[in-house]
Amino acid sequence: MKRLALLIFLCFLQGEAIAQWAVSFNGGATSTTITRSTAGRIDETYSTLWGYDFGIGGRYTLNPWLAIRADLNLMQRNHRMQRRLNYISPVYTDHLNTYLSLPLMADFSFGLKKLRGHLLLGGYCGFWLTHRVKGVTYGMTDYDVFFNTFNQSNPFTREDRRLNAGILCGIGLSHCLSRHIDLNLEALYHYDLVSHHIGYAFLHDYRYLNTLSLTLGIIYHFSNNQQQ
């Protein structure tokens, strides 16, 4: 009898634990800029490029206004370098970077049962998977200036730091579609604390990526989310 009571109690605890869990699937776009010193590169300018962001996530609800969340995202963090040369234009290089990113954050929520706002704070680590470059370069002869286009994979070197980490913050809006499903829209800003370029220390050529991701997702709650 005691064993049966213990088994029922453990099943109850397991049910309560499962009831707090949810999984999410999201996808959208990213816009990335690079922070880099322009010392010695006065003819270069940097601008944003769009990319993609797809991921899955899990969250555990601690109470009606706080949840802990972890995601696994495949995201592009792209940017453009353009040469400012008066006599030749356009000359540029697009850097197309794919990262596997693992954000961990606290999700503070507020509002009604059907429509809730979210404040997201946390950090992330990641790994630089691929680096591709494409654009236009130029050459000169005694009589003419000519242009060449390129689009190629860029191999990693010892000057590349592939492990990545930073902090993030964001806002979101979720709408309850049914007892178990929410529709979620959010914007997250990723700010690198680790330069992805090692180089030579005396040159101070540090390079940090800053990425805004805009995603739309579906959240599935294992319990009735309207009771939380």
Protein backbone atom coordinates (compact mmCIF):
# COMPACT_ATOMS: atom_id res chain seq x y z
CA MET A 1 0.00 0.00 0.00
CA LYS A 2 2.83 2.36 0.88
CA ARG A 3 4.56 1.54 -2.39
CA LEU A 4 1.38 2.31 -4.32
CA ALA A 5 0.97 5.63 -2.51
CA LEU A 6 4.62 6.49 -3.24
CA LEU A 7 4.16 5.60 -6.91
CA ILE A 8 1.06 7.81 -7.16
CA PHE A 9 2.94 10.67 -5.48
CA LEU A 10 5.88 10.35 -7.87
CA CYS A 11 3.54 10.29 -10.86
CA PHE A 12 1.86 13.42 -9.53
CA LEU A 13 5.21 15.19 -9.20
CA GLN A 14 6.18 14.11 -12.70
CA GLY A 15 2.88 15.40 -14.06
CA GLU A 16 3.39 18.73 -12.32
CA ALA A 17 6.90 18.99 -13.76
CA ILE A 18 5.77 18.15 -17.29
CA ALA A 19 2.93 20.63 -16.95
CA GLN A 20 5.46 23.48 -16.66
CA TRP A 21 7.39 22.65 -19.81
CA ALA A 22 6.93 24.04 -23.32
CA VAL A 23 8.76 23.75 -26.63
CA SER A 24 9.01 26.33 -29.39
CA PHE A 25 9.83 26.50 -33.09
CA ASN A 26 10.76 29.82 -34.67
CA GLY A 27 12.12 31.37 -37.82
CA GLY A 28 12.84 34.79 -39.22
CA ALA A 29 15.49 37.25 -40.29
CA THR A 30 18.64 38.85 -38.86
CA SER A 31 20.30 42.21 -39.44
CA THR A 32 23.96 42.45 -38.45
CA THR A 33 26.51 45.21 -38.08
CA ILE A 34 30.18 44.93 -37.16
CA THR A 35 32.10 46.99 -34.61
CA ARG A 36 35.68 47.41 -35.78
CA SER A 37 38.36 50.07 -35.54
CA THR A 38 38.93 51.99 -38.81
CA ALA A 39 42.59 52.72 -38.00
CA GLY A 40 44.57 52.31 -41.22
CA ARG A 41 41.42 51.59 -43.24
CA ILE A 42 40.06 55.06 -43.96
CA ASP A 43 38.66 53.97 -47.33
CA GLU A 44 36.46 51.22 -45.84
CA THR A 45 32.88 51.48 -44.60
CA TYR A 46 30.78 48.77 -43.00
CA SER A 47 27.04 48.27 -43.31
CA THR A 48 24.34 45.79 -42.38
CA LEU A 49 23.25 42.72 -44.29
CA TRP A 50 20.19 40.54 -43.79
CA GLY A 51 20.31 36.83 -43.00
CA TYR A 52 18.13 34.06 -41.61
CA ASP A 53 17.47 32.68 -38.12
CA PHE A 54 15.81 29.30 -37.43
CA GLY A 55 15.67 27.44 -34.15
CA ILE A 56 14.01 25.27 -31.55
CA GLY A 57 13.73 25.96 -27.86
CA GLY A 58 12.56 24.75 -24.51
CA ARG A 59 11.22 26.70 -21.56
CA TYR A 60 10.26 25.99 -17.97
CA THR A 61 7.66 28.20 -16.31
CA LEU A 62 8.48 29.04 -12.69
CA ASN A 63 5.43 31.21 -12.06
CA PRO A 64 2.89 33.20 -14.15
CA TRP A 65 5.40 36.00 -14.85
CA LEU A 66 8.79 34.23 -15.07
CA ALA A 67 10.17 31.40 -17.21
CA ILE A 68 13.66 30.10 -17.96
CA ARG A 69 14.35 29.50 -21.62
CA ALA A 70 17.09 27.89 -23.73
CA ASP A 71 17.20 27.85 -27.55
CA LEU A 72 19.31 26.25 -30.25
CA ASN A 73 19.50 28.47 -33.34
CA LEU A 74 21.09 28.29 -36.76
CA MET A 75 21.59 31.93 -37.70
CA GLN A 76 23.40 34.07 -40.23
CA ARG A 77 25.34 37.11 -39.02
CA ASN A 78 26.27 38.89 -42.24
CA HIS A 79 27.83 42.29 -42.95
CA ARG A 80 29.28 44.25 -45.88
CA MET A 81 32.61 46.04 -46.31
CA GLN A 82 32.62 48.63 -49.08
CA ARG A 83 35.60 50.56 -50.48
CA ARG A 84 35.17 54.33 -50.83
CA LEU A 85 37.23 54.98 -53.93
CA ASN A 86 36.35 57.97 -56.09
CA TYR A 87 37.58 56.56 -59.36
CA ILE A 88 36.30 52.99 -59.04
CA SER A 89 32.87 51.96 -57.84
CA PRO A 90 31.37 49.74 -56.62
CA VAL A 91 33.97 47.60 -54.83
CA TYR A 92 32.70 45.61 -51.86
CA THR A 93 32.90 42.32 -49.95
CA ASP A 94 29.90 40.62 -48.33
CA HIS A 95 30.82 38.44 -45.35
CA LEU A 96 28.23 35.65 -44.93
CA ASN A 97 28.69 34.01 -41.52
CA THR A 98 26.67 31.05 -40.24
CA TYR A 99 26.62 30.41 -36.49
CA LEU A 100 25.18 27.71 -34.26
CA SER A 101 23.98 29.69 -31.25
CA LEU A 102 22.75 28.64 -27.80
CA PRO A 103 20.94 31.48 -25.98
CA LEU A 104 19.95 31.11 -22.32
CA MET A 105 17.61 33.77 -20.94
CA ALA A 106 15.00 34.75 -18.40
CA ASP A 107 11.54 35.48 -19.82
CA PHE A 108 9.57 38.06 -17.82
CA SER A 109 5.95 38.23 -18.99
CA PHE A 110 3.04 40.53 -18.25
CA GLY A 111 -0.46 41.18 -19.53
CA LEU A 112 -3.63 39.16 -20.05
CA LYS A 113 -4.11 35.41 -20.50
CA LYS A 114 -4.69 35.73 -24.23
CA LEU A 115 -2.16 38.46 -25.03
CA ARG A 116 1.10 38.87 -23.13
CA GLY A 117 4.21 40.97 -23.47
CA HIS A 118 7.70 39.61 -22.78
CA LEU A 119 11.01 41.06 -21.63
CA LEU A 120 13.98 38.79 -22.37
CA LEU A 121 17.41 39.05 -20.71
CA GLY A 122 20.35 36.65 -20.83
CA GLY A 123 23.44 35.55 -22.66
CA TYR A 124 24.54 33.22 -25.42
CA CYS A 125 27.44 31.14 -26.65
CA GLY A 126 27.97 29.96 -30.18
CA PHE A 127 30.20 28.36 -32.76
CA TRP A 128 31.17 29.83 -36.13
CA LEU A 129 30.24 27.15 -38.68
CA THR A 130 30.90 28.67 -42.11
CA HIS A 131 32.30 31.84 -43.65
CA ARG A 132 31.55 32.77 -47.25
CA VAL A 133 32.61 35.92 -49.11
CA LYS A 134 31.23 37.42 -52.28
CA GLY A 135 31.46 40.79 -53.98
CA VAL A 136 33.39 42.83 -56.49
CA THR A 137 37.11 43.58 -56.60
CA TYR A 138 39.18 45.54 -59.10
CA GLY A 139 42.47 45.49 -60.97
CA MET A 140 44.39 48.04 -63.00
CA THR A 141 46.48 48.04 -66.14
CA ASP A 142 48.39 50.89 -67.75
CA TYR A 143 45.30 51.77 -69.77
CA ASP A 144 42.23 50.59 -67.90
CA VAL A 145 40.52 49.59 -64.65
CA PHE A 146 38.71 46.25 -64.67
CA PHE A 147 36.38 44.53 -62.21
CA ASN A 148 36.03 40.92 -61.09
CA THR A 149 33.21 39.29 -59.17
CA PHE A 150 33.79 36.50 -56.66
CA ASN A 151 31.67 34.14 -54.58
CA GLN A 152 33.57 31.56 -52.57
CA SER A 153 33.92 29.79 -49.26
CA ASN A 154 36.55 31.41 -47.07
CA PRO A 155 38.67 28.89 -45.11
CA PHE A 156 39.27 29.54 -41.42
CA THR A 157 42.76 30.47 -40.22
CA ARG A 158 44.52 30.73 -36.87
CA GLU A 159 43.45 34.36 -36.71
CA ASP A 160 39.76 33.38 -36.57
CA ARG A 161 38.14 32.74 -33.21
CA ARG A 162 35.25 30.38 -33.88
CA LEU A 163 33.89 30.18 -30.32
CA ASN A 164 31.54 33.05 -29.63
CA ALA A 165 29.79 34.54 -26.57
CA GLY A 166 27.84 37.63 -25.62
CA ILE A 167 24.79 39.12 -23.96
CA LEU A 168 21.30 39.58 -25.33
CA CYS A 169 18.09 41.39 -24.57
CA GLY A 170 14.77 41.62 -26.33
CA ILE A 171 11.05 42.06 -26.31
CA GLY A 172 8.23 39.82 -27.46
CA LEU A 173 4.50 39.45 -27.83
CA SER A 174 2.60 36.18 -27.52
CA HIS A 175 -1.01 35.37 -28.34
CA CYS A 176 -2.84 32.30 -27.07
CA LEU A 177 -4.36 30.42 -30.02
CA SER A 178 -5.62 27.38 -28.10
CA ARG A 179 -5.22 25.57 -24.80
CA HIS A 180 -1.74 24.37 -25.76
CA ILE A 181 -0.48 26.65 -28.54
CA ASP A 182 0.78 30.23 -28.54
CA LEU A 183 1.86 32.39 -31.46
CA ASN A 184 5.01 34.32 -30.59
CA LEU A 185 6.65 37.39 -32.18
CA GLU A 186 9.93 38.69 -30.79
CA ALA A 187 12.98 40.84 -31.41
CA LEU A 188 16.33 39.90 -29.84
CA TYR A 189 19.56 41.90 -29.89
CA HIS A 190 22.80 39.88 -29.69
CA TYR A 191 25.90 41.82 -28.58
CA ASP A 192 29.25 40.04 -28.86
CA LEU A 193 31.70 40.17 -25.95
CA VAL A 194 34.27 38.05 -27.82
CA SER A 195 36.06 39.24 -30.94
CA HIS A 196 35.86 36.75 -33.80
CA HIS A 197 39.29 37.91 -35.01
CA ILE A 198 42.46 37.26 -32.98
CA GLY A 199 45.15 38.83 -35.16
CA TYR A 200 48.02 40.70 -33.56
CA ALA A 201 47.43 42.30 -30.17
CA PHE A 202 49.41 45.47 -30.98
CA LEU A 203 47.12 46.21 -33.95
CA HIS A 204 43.98 46.20 -31.77
CA ASP A 205 41.99 44.87 -34.73
CA TYR A 206 39.09 43.50 -32.72
CA ARG A 207 35.84 42.66 -34.54
CA TYR A 208 32.49 42.26 -32.77
CA LEU A 209 29.18 41.37 -34.39
CA ASN A 210 25.92 42.97 -33.27
CA THR A 211 22.81 41.16 -34.51
CA LEU A 212 19.12 41.98 -34.34
CA SER A 213 16.89 38.95 -34.96
CA LEU A 214 13.19 39.22 -35.79
CA THR A 215 11.36 35.90 -35.54
CA LEU A 216 7.87 34.44 -35.58
CA GLY A 217 7.29 31.21 -33.71
CA ILE A 218 4.91 28.61 -32.34
CA ILE A 219 5.01 27.57 -28.66
CA TYR A 220 3.50 24.25 -27.57
CA HIS A 221 2.65 23.93 -23.85
CA PHE A 222 2.37 20.41 -22.44
CA SER A 223 -0.37 21.64 -20.11
CA ASN A 224 -3.29 23.97 -20.53
CA ASN A 225 -1.45 27.28 -20.87
CA GLN A 226 -4.53 29.28 -19.91
CA GLN A 227 -4.28 27.89 -16.38
CA GLN A 228 -0.75 29.19 -15.79
